[in-house]
């Protein structure tokens, strides 16, 4: 019985080690810092919080999108680009080309670089990283898609981590890794293939 338990423990350790090797580094633990702001649409106006965070950006915004239909968020990103903020987006390829109301073409027309994620079955992240390398960094994430439905029809959650530079830099590194695997958006009728 004792030998079986030791063997099972050994197998479990080997599987854990193998999974760590297969998926890279184990998840990091970061110190709590800054502030956290929460919203629970449709009861709370998450869209207004996202727009206000974009409006406060001074240097850089990186967006990961699954779907993108919110006119207010698109207007805020385009305005940020026009005032000199470095804005760039990664988006799910299938949602971009299959989504009837996608706003990705509007972002691209405004000169915002767009890359389409093709490696995964779904690029399901909903993240904005704002001014990651500054004291005023912000990371916006949660179930909330950048869509009108997320604000008005769905039960969602949104969380904004402010002034946690280490967290923002970790999210920025993940955005850069995902962008490196993505394909440039070539327009509404140009579907990139991996």
N, C-alpha and C. Protein backbone atom coordinates (compact mmCIF):
# COMPACT_ATOMS: atom_id res chain seq x y z
N UNK A 1 0.82 -1.19 0.00
CA UNK A 1 0.00 0.00 0.00
C UNK A 1 0.87 1.25 0.00
N UNK A 2 1.90 1.26 0.86
CA UNK A 2 2.80 2.41 0.94
C UNK A 2 3.57 2.57 -0.38
N UNK A 3 3.98 1.46 -0.97
CA UNK A 3 4.71 1.52 -2.24
C UNK A 3 3.82 2.10 -3.34
N UNK A 4 2.53 1.71 -3.34
CA UNK A 4 1.59 2.24 -4.33
C UNK A 4 1.40 3.75 -4.16
N UNK A 5 1.29 4.20 -2.93
CA UNK A 5 1.12 5.63 -2.67
C UNK A 5 2.35 6.40 -3.12
N UNK A 6 3.54 5.86 -2.85
CA UNK A 6 4.77 6.51 -3.30
C UNK A 6 4.86 6.54 -4.82
N UNK A 7 4.46 5.46 -5.46
CA UNK A 7 4.48 5.41 -6.92
C UNK A 7 3.50 6.41 -7.50
N UNK A 8 2.30 6.51 -6.91
CA UNK A 8 1.30 7.46 -7.38
C UNK A 8 1.81 8.89 -7.21
N UNK A 9 2.45 9.16 -6.07
CA UNK A 9 3.01 10.49 -5.84
C UNK A 9 4.09 10.81 -6.86
N UNK A 10 4.91 9.82 -7.17
CA UNK A 10 5.96 10.01 -8.17
C UNK A 10 5.39 10.30 -9.55
N UNK A 11 4.34 9.57 -9.92
CA UNK A 11 3.69 9.80 -11.20
C UNK A 11 3.07 11.20 -11.23
N UNK A 12 2.43 11.60 -10.14
CA UNK A 12 1.83 12.93 -10.08
C UNK A 12 2.88 14.01 -10.23
N UNK A 13 4.02 13.85 -9.57
CA UNK A 13 5.10 14.84 -9.69
C UNK A 13 5.63 14.89 -11.11
N UNK A 14 5.79 13.73 -11.73
CA UNK A 14 6.28 13.69 -13.11
C UNK A 14 5.30 14.37 -14.05
N UNK A 15 3.99 14.13 -13.86
CA UNK A 15 2.99 14.78 -14.71
C UNK A 15 2.99 16.29 -14.52
N UNK A 16 3.10 16.75 -13.28
CA UNK A 16 3.17 18.19 -13.03
C UNK A 16 4.40 18.80 -13.68
N UNK A 17 5.54 18.13 -13.57
CA UNK A 17 6.76 18.65 -14.19
C UNK A 17 6.62 18.68 -15.70
N UNK A 18 6.04 17.63 -16.27
CA UNK A 18 5.86 17.58 -17.73
C UNK A 18 4.90 18.68 -18.19
N UNK A 19 3.83 18.92 -17.43
CA UNK A 19 2.90 19.96 -17.85
C UNK A 19 3.54 21.33 -17.75
N UNK A 20 4.39 21.54 -16.75
CA UNK A 20 5.09 22.82 -16.65
C UNK A 20 6.00 23.03 -17.85
N UNK A 21 6.66 21.96 -18.28
CA UNK A 21 7.52 22.06 -19.46
C UNK A 21 6.70 22.29 -20.72
N UNK A 22 5.55 21.64 -20.82
CA UNK A 22 4.72 21.76 -22.01
C UNK A 22 4.11 23.16 -22.13
N UNK A 23 3.77 23.77 -21.04
CA UNK A 23 3.10 25.06 -21.08
C UNK A 23 3.98 26.22 -20.67
N UNK A 24 5.24 26.00 -20.44
CA UNK A 24 6.14 27.09 -20.07
C UNK A 24 6.26 27.26 -18.58
N UNK A 25 6.55 28.45 -18.18
CA UNK A 25 6.75 28.77 -16.77
C UNK A 25 5.45 28.61 -15.98
N UNK A 26 5.58 28.24 -14.70
CA UNK A 26 4.38 28.23 -13.87
C UNK A 26 3.87 29.65 -13.69
N UNK A 27 2.58 29.81 -13.43
CA UNK A 27 2.04 31.16 -13.26
C UNK A 27 2.77 31.94 -12.17
N UNK A 28 2.98 33.21 -12.45
CA UNK A 28 3.65 34.07 -11.47
C UNK A 28 2.66 34.58 -10.45
N UNK A 29 3.18 34.88 -9.29
CA UNK A 29 2.39 35.53 -8.26
C UNK A 29 2.93 36.94 -8.12
N UNK A 30 2.06 37.93 -8.22
CA UNK A 30 2.48 39.33 -8.16
C UNK A 30 1.96 39.95 -6.87
N UNK A 31 2.70 40.90 -6.36
CA UNK A 31 2.27 41.61 -5.17
C UNK A 31 1.08 42.51 -5.49
N UNK A 32 0.18 42.61 -4.54
CA UNK A 32 -0.95 43.53 -4.69
C UNK A 32 -0.41 44.96 -4.66
N UNK A 33 -0.95 45.77 -5.54
CA UNK A 33 -0.53 47.18 -5.60
C UNK A 33 -1.63 47.98 -6.27
N UNK A 34 -1.64 49.27 -6.04
CA UNK A 34 -2.58 50.15 -6.73
C UNK A 34 -4.00 50.00 -6.25
N UNK A 35 -4.92 50.24 -7.17
CA UNK A 35 -6.35 50.15 -6.86
C UNK A 35 -7.04 49.22 -7.84
N UNK A 36 -8.23 48.79 -7.46
CA UNK A 36 -9.04 47.91 -8.29
C UNK A 36 -10.43 48.53 -8.39
N UNK A 37 -10.95 48.59 -9.61
CA UNK A 37 -12.29 49.10 -9.83
C UNK A 37 -13.11 48.02 -10.52
N UNK A 38 -14.34 47.81 -10.07
CA UNK A 38 -15.20 46.75 -10.60
C UNK A 38 -16.46 47.31 -11.22
N UNK A 39 -16.98 46.59 -12.21
CA UNK A 39 -18.28 46.91 -12.78
C UNK A 39 -18.95 45.61 -13.19
N UNK A 40 -20.28 45.60 -13.05
CA UNK A 40 -21.06 44.41 -13.37
C UNK A 40 -22.23 44.79 -14.29
N UNK A 41 -21.93 44.88 -15.60
CA UNK A 41 -23.01 45.20 -16.53
C UNK A 41 -24.05 44.09 -16.55
N UNK A 42 -25.29 44.40 -16.81
CA UNK A 42 -25.78 45.70 -17.27
C UNK A 42 -26.09 46.69 -16.15
N UNK A 43 -25.90 46.31 -14.89
CA UNK A 43 -26.22 47.20 -13.78
C UNK A 43 -25.27 48.40 -13.71
N UNK A 44 -23.99 48.17 -14.01
CA UNK A 44 -22.99 49.23 -13.97
C UNK A 44 -22.57 49.60 -15.38
N UNK A 45 -22.15 50.84 -15.57
CA UNK A 45 -21.75 51.32 -16.90
C UNK A 45 -20.27 51.05 -17.15
N UNK A 46 -19.96 49.81 -17.49
CA UNK A 46 -18.58 49.42 -17.77
C UNK A 46 -18.04 50.13 -19.00
N UNK A 47 -18.88 50.32 -19.99
CA UNK A 47 -18.43 50.99 -21.21
C UNK A 47 -17.89 52.39 -20.89
N UNK A 48 -18.56 53.13 -20.02
CA UNK A 48 -18.08 54.46 -19.63
C UNK A 48 -16.75 54.38 -18.90
N UNK A 49 -16.56 53.35 -18.08
CA UNK A 49 -15.27 53.18 -17.39
C UNK A 49 -14.15 52.91 -18.39
N UNK A 50 -14.43 52.07 -19.39
CA UNK A 50 -13.42 51.76 -20.41
C UNK A 50 -13.08 53.03 -21.20
N UNK A 51 -14.09 53.76 -21.61
CA UNK A 51 -13.86 55.00 -22.37
C UNK A 51 -13.05 55.99 -21.54
N UNK A 52 -13.37 56.15 -20.26
CA UNK A 52 -12.62 57.07 -19.39
C UNK A 52 -11.16 56.64 -19.26
N UNK A 53 -10.92 55.34 -19.15
CA UNK A 53 -9.54 54.85 -19.06
C UNK A 53 -8.78 55.12 -20.35
N UNK A 54 -9.42 54.92 -21.48
CA UNK A 54 -8.79 55.22 -22.78
C UNK A 54 -8.50 56.72 -22.87
N UNK A 55 -9.46 57.54 -22.45
CA UNK A 55 -9.28 58.99 -22.50
C UNK A 55 -8.12 59.45 -21.62
N UNK A 56 -7.82 58.71 -20.56
CA UNK A 56 -6.72 59.08 -19.65
C UNK A 56 -5.36 58.60 -20.15
N UNK A 57 -5.33 57.74 -21.16
CA UNK A 57 -4.06 57.21 -21.68
C UNK A 57 -3.20 58.32 -22.24
N UNK A 58 -1.90 58.22 -22.01
CA UNK A 58 -0.96 59.23 -22.47
C UNK A 58 0.06 58.69 -23.48
N UNK A 59 0.42 57.41 -23.39
CA UNK A 59 1.49 56.89 -24.23
C UNK A 59 1.10 55.70 -25.10
N UNK A 60 0.43 54.71 -24.49
CA UNK A 60 0.24 53.46 -25.23
C UNK A 60 -1.02 52.74 -24.76
N UNK A 61 -1.72 52.14 -25.73
CA UNK A 61 -2.85 51.26 -25.44
C UNK A 61 -2.67 50.00 -26.28
N UNK A 62 -2.75 48.85 -25.63
CA UNK A 62 -2.73 47.57 -26.32
C UNK A 62 -4.04 46.86 -25.99
N UNK A 63 -4.72 46.38 -27.04
CA UNK A 63 -6.04 45.78 -26.90
C UNK A 63 -5.99 44.34 -27.39
N UNK A 64 -6.60 43.44 -26.63
CA UNK A 64 -6.89 42.09 -27.09
C UNK A 64 -8.40 41.99 -27.15
N UNK A 65 -8.93 41.58 -28.30
CA UNK A 65 -10.38 41.55 -28.48
C UNK A 65 -10.83 40.22 -29.04
N UNK A 66 -11.95 39.73 -28.53
CA UNK A 66 -12.62 38.60 -29.13
C UNK A 66 -13.61 39.15 -30.16
N UNK A 67 -14.53 39.98 -29.72
CA UNK A 67 -15.44 40.68 -30.61
C UNK A 67 -15.36 42.17 -30.32
N UNK A 68 -15.71 42.99 -31.32
CA UNK A 68 -15.53 44.43 -31.17
C UNK A 68 -16.64 45.16 -31.91
N UNK A 69 -17.68 45.57 -31.18
CA UNK A 69 -18.79 46.28 -31.82
C UNK A 69 -19.15 47.60 -31.14
N UNK A 70 -18.52 47.94 -30.04
CA UNK A 70 -18.88 49.16 -29.30
C UNK A 70 -18.41 50.41 -30.04
N UNK A 71 -19.37 51.22 -30.48
CA UNK A 71 -19.03 52.48 -31.15
C UNK A 71 -18.29 53.43 -30.21
N UNK A 72 -18.73 53.49 -28.95
CA UNK A 72 -18.11 54.42 -27.99
C UNK A 72 -16.64 54.06 -27.74
N UNK A 73 -16.34 52.79 -27.62
CA UNK A 73 -14.95 52.38 -27.39
C UNK A 73 -14.11 52.62 -28.64
N UNK A 74 -14.68 52.36 -29.81
CA UNK A 74 -13.97 52.64 -31.06
C UNK A 74 -13.66 54.13 -31.17
N UNK A 75 -14.66 54.98 -30.91
CA UNK A 75 -14.43 56.43 -30.96
C UNK A 75 -13.32 56.85 -30.00
N UNK A 76 -13.31 56.29 -28.80
CA UNK A 76 -12.28 56.65 -27.82
C UNK A 76 -10.89 56.20 -28.27
N UNK A 77 -10.79 55.00 -28.85
CA UNK A 77 -9.49 54.52 -29.34
C UNK A 77 -9.00 55.37 -30.50
N UNK A 78 -9.89 55.72 -31.42
CA UNK A 78 -9.51 56.57 -32.56
C UNK A 78 -9.08 57.94 -32.05
N UNK A 79 -9.78 58.50 -31.09
CA UNK A 79 -9.40 59.80 -30.52
C UNK A 79 -8.04 59.71 -29.84
N UNK A 80 -7.78 58.61 -29.15
CA UNK A 80 -6.47 58.43 -28.51
C UNK A 80 -5.37 58.39 -29.56
N UNK A 81 -5.60 57.66 -30.63
CA UNK A 81 -4.63 57.59 -31.73
C UNK A 81 -4.37 59.00 -32.29
N UNK A 82 -5.41 59.76 -32.49
CA UNK A 82 -5.28 61.12 -33.06
C UNK A 82 -4.52 62.07 -32.13
N UNK A 83 -4.59 61.83 -30.82
CA UNK A 83 -3.85 62.72 -29.91
C UNK A 83 -2.44 62.20 -29.63
N UNK A 84 -2.02 61.17 -30.37
CA UNK A 84 -0.64 60.71 -30.31
C UNK A 84 -0.37 59.49 -29.46
N UNK A 85 -1.41 58.85 -28.93
CA UNK A 85 -1.22 57.62 -28.17
C UNK A 85 -0.97 56.48 -29.15
N UNK A 86 0.00 55.63 -28.84
CA UNK A 86 0.32 54.45 -29.66
C UNK A 86 -0.71 53.37 -29.36
N UNK A 87 -1.65 53.16 -30.28
CA UNK A 87 -2.74 52.20 -30.10
C UNK A 87 -2.53 51.04 -31.07
N UNK A 88 -2.69 49.80 -30.58
CA UNK A 88 -2.62 48.62 -31.43
C UNK A 88 -3.55 47.55 -30.88
N UNK A 89 -4.05 46.69 -31.78
CA UNK A 89 -5.08 45.72 -31.42
C UNK A 89 -4.74 44.35 -31.96
N UNK A 90 -4.98 43.32 -31.15
CA UNK A 90 -5.05 41.95 -31.66
C UNK A 90 -6.50 41.51 -31.50
N UNK A 91 -6.98 40.74 -32.48
CA UNK A 91 -8.39 40.33 -32.47
C UNK A 91 -8.51 38.90 -32.98
N UNK A 92 -9.60 38.27 -32.63
CA UNK A 92 -9.90 36.94 -33.11
C UNK A 92 -10.26 37.00 -34.60
N UNK A 93 -9.57 36.20 -35.40
CA UNK A 93 -9.80 36.25 -36.85
C UNK A 93 -11.23 35.88 -37.23
N UNK A 94 -11.76 34.80 -36.66
CA UNK A 94 -13.10 34.34 -37.04
C UNK A 94 -14.16 35.37 -36.67
N UNK A 95 -14.03 35.99 -35.51
CA UNK A 95 -15.00 37.01 -35.11
C UNK A 95 -14.87 38.26 -35.97
N UNK A 96 -13.65 38.59 -36.37
CA UNK A 96 -13.44 39.78 -37.19
C UNK A 96 -14.08 39.61 -38.57
N UNK A 97 -13.91 38.45 -39.17
CA UNK A 97 -14.45 38.26 -40.52
C UNK A 97 -15.86 37.70 -40.52
N UNK A 98 -16.26 37.05 -39.42
CA UNK A 98 -17.61 36.48 -39.37
C UNK A 98 -18.60 37.38 -38.66
N UNK A 99 -18.10 38.35 -37.93
CA UNK A 99 -18.98 39.22 -37.16
C UNK A 99 -19.62 40.29 -38.04
N UNK A 100 -20.92 40.30 -38.07
CA UNK A 100 -21.67 41.21 -38.94
C UNK A 100 -21.45 42.68 -38.57
N UNK A 101 -21.29 42.96 -37.28
CA UNK A 101 -21.21 44.35 -36.83
C UNK A 101 -19.82 44.74 -36.32
N UNK A 102 -18.81 44.01 -36.73
CA UNK A 102 -17.46 44.30 -36.24
C UNK A 102 -17.03 45.72 -36.59
N UNK A 103 -16.32 46.33 -35.67
CA UNK A 103 -15.80 47.70 -35.86
C UNK A 103 -14.30 47.69 -36.18
N UNK A 104 -13.73 46.52 -36.35
CA UNK A 104 -12.30 46.42 -36.67
C UNK A 104 -11.94 47.23 -37.92
N UNK A 105 -12.74 47.20 -38.99
CA UNK A 105 -12.38 48.02 -40.16
C UNK A 105 -12.28 49.51 -39.85
N UNK A 106 -13.11 50.01 -38.94
CA UNK A 106 -13.04 51.42 -38.56
C UNK A 106 -11.73 51.74 -37.85
N UNK A 107 -11.30 50.84 -36.98
CA UNK A 107 -10.02 51.04 -36.29
C UNK A 107 -8.88 51.05 -37.30
N UNK A 108 -8.90 50.09 -38.23
CA UNK A 108 -7.84 50.02 -39.24
C UNK A 108 -7.85 51.26 -40.13
N UNK A 109 -9.03 51.74 -40.50
CA UNK A 109 -9.14 52.93 -41.35
C UNK A 109 -8.57 54.16 -40.65
N UNK A 110 -8.58 54.16 -39.32
CA UNK A 110 -8.03 55.28 -38.54
C UNK A 110 -6.52 55.17 -38.35
N UNK A 111 -5.93 54.13 -38.94
CA UNK A 111 -4.48 53.97 -38.84
C UNK A 111 -4.02 53.17 -37.63
N UNK A 112 -4.93 52.49 -36.97
CA UNK A 112 -4.58 51.66 -35.82
C UNK A 112 -4.18 50.28 -36.34
N UNK A 113 -2.96 49.84 -36.05
CA UNK A 113 -2.53 48.51 -36.51
C UNK A 113 -3.37 47.40 -35.85
N UNK A 114 -3.79 46.46 -36.67
CA UNK A 114 -4.62 45.33 -36.22
C UNK A 114 -3.91 44.04 -36.64
N UNK A 115 -3.81 43.10 -35.71
CA UNK A 115 -3.32 41.76 -36.03
C UNK A 115 -4.40 40.77 -35.64
N UNK A 116 -4.56 39.74 -36.46
CA UNK A 116 -5.58 38.72 -36.22
C UNK A 116 -4.93 37.46 -35.71
N UNK A 117 -5.47 37.01 -34.59
CA UNK A 117 -4.93 35.79 -33.97
C UNK A 117 -5.50 34.57 -34.68
N UNK A 118 -4.59 33.66 -35.04
CA UNK A 118 -4.98 32.49 -35.82
C UNK A 118 -4.53 31.18 -35.17
N UNK A 119 -3.74 31.25 -34.14
CA UNK A 119 -3.18 30.04 -33.54
C UNK A 119 -4.20 29.25 -32.72
N UNK A 120 -5.15 29.95 -32.12
CA UNK A 120 -6.05 29.32 -31.16
C UNK A 120 -7.43 29.13 -31.75
N UNK A 121 -8.18 28.18 -31.20
CA UNK A 121 -9.56 27.98 -31.65
C UNK A 121 -10.35 29.27 -31.46
N UNK A 122 -10.07 30.00 -30.38
CA UNK A 122 -10.69 31.30 -30.15
C UNK A 122 -9.69 32.17 -29.39
N UNK A 123 -9.47 33.36 -29.89
CA UNK A 123 -8.66 34.34 -29.16
C UNK A 123 -9.63 35.09 -28.26
N UNK A 124 -9.91 34.51 -27.12
CA UNK A 124 -11.03 34.91 -26.28
C UNK A 124 -10.68 35.93 -25.21
N UNK A 125 -9.49 36.48 -25.24
CA UNK A 125 -9.10 37.48 -24.25
C UNK A 125 -9.84 38.79 -24.50
N UNK A 126 -10.15 39.46 -23.41
CA UNK A 126 -10.73 40.80 -23.46
C UNK A 126 -9.88 41.64 -22.53
N UNK A 127 -8.85 42.26 -23.07
CA UNK A 127 -7.85 42.96 -22.26
C UNK A 127 -7.49 44.28 -22.92
N UNK A 128 -7.31 45.30 -22.10
CA UNK A 128 -6.65 46.53 -22.52
C UNK A 128 -5.54 46.80 -21.53
N UNK A 129 -4.38 47.10 -22.08
CA UNK A 129 -3.22 47.48 -21.26
C UNK A 129 -2.90 48.93 -21.62
N UNK A 130 -2.94 49.78 -20.63
CA UNK A 130 -2.78 51.22 -20.86
C UNK A 130 -1.56 51.73 -20.11
N UNK A 131 -0.65 52.39 -20.84
CA UNK A 131 0.54 53.01 -20.24
C UNK A 131 1.26 52.07 -19.27
N UNK A 132 1.55 50.86 -19.75
CA UNK A 132 2.08 49.79 -18.90
C UNK A 132 3.35 50.16 -18.17
N UNK A 133 4.21 50.94 -18.80
CA UNK A 133 5.51 51.22 -18.20
C UNK A 133 5.52 52.50 -17.36
N UNK A 134 4.36 52.93 -16.90
CA UNK A 134 4.28 54.15 -16.09
C UNK A 134 3.63 53.87 -14.74
N UNK A 135 3.71 54.84 -13.85
CA UNK A 135 3.05 54.73 -12.54
C UNK A 135 1.54 54.71 -12.70
N UNK A 136 1.04 55.28 -13.77
CA UNK A 136 -0.41 55.37 -14.00
C UNK A 136 -0.94 54.24 -14.87
N UNK A 137 -0.26 53.11 -14.87
CA UNK A 137 -0.67 51.98 -15.70
C UNK A 137 -2.08 51.51 -15.34
N UNK A 138 -2.73 50.89 -16.31
CA UNK A 138 -4.05 50.29 -16.08
C UNK A 138 -4.16 49.02 -16.92
N UNK A 139 -4.76 48.01 -16.33
CA UNK A 139 -5.11 46.78 -17.03
C UNK A 139 -6.61 46.60 -16.86
N UNK A 140 -7.31 46.47 -17.99
CA UNK A 140 -8.76 46.25 -17.98
C UNK A 140 -9.00 44.84 -18.51
N UNK A 141 -9.76 44.05 -17.77
CA UNK A 141 -10.03 42.69 -18.20
C UNK A 141 -11.34 42.22 -17.57
N UNK A 142 -11.72 41.00 -17.85
CA UNK A 142 -12.96 40.41 -17.34
C UNK A 142 -13.69 39.71 -18.47
N UNK A 143 -14.94 39.37 -18.23
CA UNK A 143 -15.72 38.70 -19.26
C UNK A 143 -16.24 39.68 -20.31
N UNK A 144 -16.19 40.96 -20.00
CA UNK A 144 -16.76 42.03 -20.82
C UNK A 144 -16.06 42.12 -22.18
N UNK A 145 -16.81 41.81 -23.25
CA UNK A 145 -16.30 42.03 -24.62
C UNK A 145 -16.43 43.51 -24.94
N UNK A 146 -15.73 43.98 -25.93
CA UNK A 146 -15.81 45.37 -26.34
C UNK A 146 -17.01 45.53 -27.27
N UNK A 147 -18.19 45.22 -26.74
CA UNK A 147 -19.39 45.19 -27.57
C UNK A 147 -20.54 45.94 -26.91
N UNK A 148 -21.50 46.31 -27.73
CA UNK A 148 -22.73 46.92 -27.22
C UNK A 148 -23.52 45.93 -26.38
N UNK A 149 -23.58 44.68 -26.82
CA UNK A 149 -24.33 43.66 -26.09
C UNK A 149 -23.75 43.43 -24.70
N UNK A 150 -22.43 43.50 -24.56
CA UNK A 150 -21.82 43.29 -23.25
C UNK A 150 -22.31 44.33 -22.25
N UNK A 151 -22.57 45.53 -22.71
CA UNK A 151 -23.04 46.58 -21.81
C UNK A 151 -24.55 46.51 -21.59
N UNK A 152 -25.30 46.19 -22.61
CA UNK A 152 -26.74 46.37 -22.53
C UNK A 152 -27.56 45.10 -22.33
N UNK A 153 -27.02 43.95 -22.78
CA UNK A 153 -27.86 42.74 -22.77
C UNK A 153 -27.28 41.58 -21.96
N UNK A 154 -26.00 41.58 -21.71
CA UNK A 154 -25.36 40.41 -21.08
C UNK A 154 -25.09 40.64 -19.60
N UNK A 155 -24.97 39.56 -18.86
CA UNK A 155 -24.47 39.60 -17.49
C UNK A 155 -22.95 39.46 -17.59
N UNK A 156 -22.22 40.50 -17.27
CA UNK A 156 -20.77 40.55 -17.48
C UNK A 156 -20.06 41.03 -16.22
N UNK A 157 -18.74 41.01 -16.28
CA UNK A 157 -17.93 41.63 -15.24
C UNK A 157 -16.74 42.30 -15.89
N UNK A 158 -16.28 43.36 -15.26
CA UNK A 158 -15.12 44.10 -15.74
C UNK A 158 -14.32 44.53 -14.51
N UNK A 159 -13.02 44.43 -14.62
CA UNK A 159 -12.15 44.84 -13.52
C UNK A 159 -11.02 45.68 -14.09
N UNK A 160 -10.72 46.78 -13.42
CA UNK A 160 -9.62 47.65 -13.83
C UNK A 160 -8.61 47.69 -12.70
N UNK A 161 -7.41 47.23 -13.00
CA UNK A 161 -6.28 47.30 -12.06
C UNK A 161 -5.49 48.55 -12.41
N UNK A 162 -5.41 49.49 -11.50
CA UNK A 162 -4.68 50.73 -11.75
C UNK A 162 -3.43 50.79 -10.87
N UNK A 163 -2.39 51.39 -11.46
CA UNK A 163 -1.13 51.64 -10.75
C UNK A 163 -0.49 50.37 -10.19
N UNK A 164 -0.53 49.30 -10.98
CA UNK A 164 0.21 48.08 -10.66
C UNK A 164 1.09 47.80 -11.89
N UNK A 165 2.23 48.45 -11.92
CA UNK A 165 3.13 48.41 -13.09
C UNK A 165 3.56 46.99 -13.42
N UNK A 166 3.88 46.19 -12.40
CA UNK A 166 4.35 44.82 -12.65
C UNK A 166 3.26 43.99 -13.34
N UNK A 167 2.03 44.14 -12.89
CA UNK A 167 0.91 43.45 -13.52
C UNK A 167 0.73 43.93 -14.97
N UNK A 168 0.77 45.24 -15.17
CA UNK A 168 0.60 45.80 -16.51
C UNK A 168 1.70 45.31 -17.45
N UNK A 169 2.92 45.24 -16.97
CA UNK A 169 4.02 44.75 -17.82
C UNK A 169 3.86 43.27 -18.15
N UNK A 170 3.31 42.49 -17.22
CA UNK A 170 3.05 41.06 -17.50
C UNK A 170 1.98 40.93 -18.59
N UNK A 171 0.92 41.71 -18.50
CA UNK A 171 -0.11 41.69 -19.53
C UNK A 171 0.43 42.20 -20.86
N UNK A 172 1.28 43.20 -20.82
CA UNK A 172 1.87 43.72 -22.05
C UNK A 172 2.75 42.65 -22.72
N UNK A 173 3.54 41.93 -21.93
CA UNK A 173 4.38 40.86 -22.48
C UNK A 173 3.51 39.78 -23.13
N UNK A 174 2.38 39.46 -22.51
CA UNK A 174 1.48 38.47 -23.11
C UNK A 174 0.89 39.02 -24.41
N UNK A 175 0.52 40.30 -24.44
CA UNK A 175 0.00 40.91 -25.68
C UNK A 175 1.05 40.81 -26.78
N UNK A 176 2.29 41.14 -26.45
CA UNK A 176 3.36 41.09 -27.46
C UNK A 176 3.61 39.67 -27.96
N UNK A 177 3.54 38.69 -27.06
CA UNK A 177 3.71 37.28 -27.48
C UNK A 177 2.59 36.89 -28.42
N UNK A 178 1.37 37.27 -28.11
CA UNK A 178 0.24 36.92 -28.96
C UNK A 178 0.30 37.66 -30.29
N UNK A 179 0.73 38.90 -30.29
CA UNK A 179 0.85 39.66 -31.54
C UNK A 179 1.92 39.04 -32.44
N UNK A 180 2.98 38.54 -31.85
CA UNK A 180 4.06 37.93 -32.65
C UNK A 180 3.56 36.69 -33.40
N UNK A 181 2.52 36.04 -32.89
CA UNK A 181 1.97 34.84 -33.53
C UNK A 181 0.81 35.17 -34.48
N UNK A 182 0.40 36.43 -34.53
CA UNK A 182 -0.78 36.83 -35.30
C UNK A 182 -0.40 37.30 -36.70
N UNK A 183 -1.41 37.46 -37.54
CA UNK A 183 -1.22 37.92 -38.91
C UNK A 183 -1.80 39.32 -39.06
N UNK A 184 -1.16 40.17 -39.87
CA UNK A 184 -1.69 41.52 -40.04
C UNK A 184 -3.06 41.51 -40.72
N UNK A 185 -3.91 42.38 -40.27
CA UNK A 185 -5.24 42.56 -40.86
C UNK A 185 -5.07 43.26 -42.19
N UNK A 186 -5.67 42.70 -43.23
CA UNK A 186 -5.52 43.27 -44.56
C UNK A 186 -6.76 43.90 -45.11
N UNK A 187 -7.76 44.11 -44.29
CA UNK A 187 -9.00 44.70 -44.77
C UNK A 187 -10.16 43.73 -44.67
N UNK A 188 -11.33 44.27 -44.83
CA UNK A 188 -12.57 43.50 -44.64
C UNK A 188 -12.67 42.28 -45.55
N UNK A 189 -12.11 42.35 -46.75
CA UNK A 189 -12.28 41.26 -47.70
C UNK A 189 -11.00 40.45 -47.92
N UNK A 190 -9.99 40.70 -47.12
CA UNK A 190 -8.73 39.98 -47.23
C UNK A 190 -8.54 39.12 -45.99
N UNK A 191 -8.90 37.84 -46.09
CA UNK A 191 -8.85 36.94 -44.94
C UNK A 191 -7.46 36.27 -44.90
N UNK A 192 -6.64 36.60 -43.87
CA UNK A 192 -5.31 35.98 -43.79
C UNK A 192 -5.40 34.52 -43.42
N UNK A 193 -4.53 33.76 -43.97
CA UNK A 193 -4.45 32.32 -43.65
C UNK A 193 -3.14 32.06 -42.93
N UNK A 194 -3.19 31.16 -41.93
CA UNK A 194 -1.96 30.84 -41.20
C UNK A 194 -0.96 30.10 -42.05
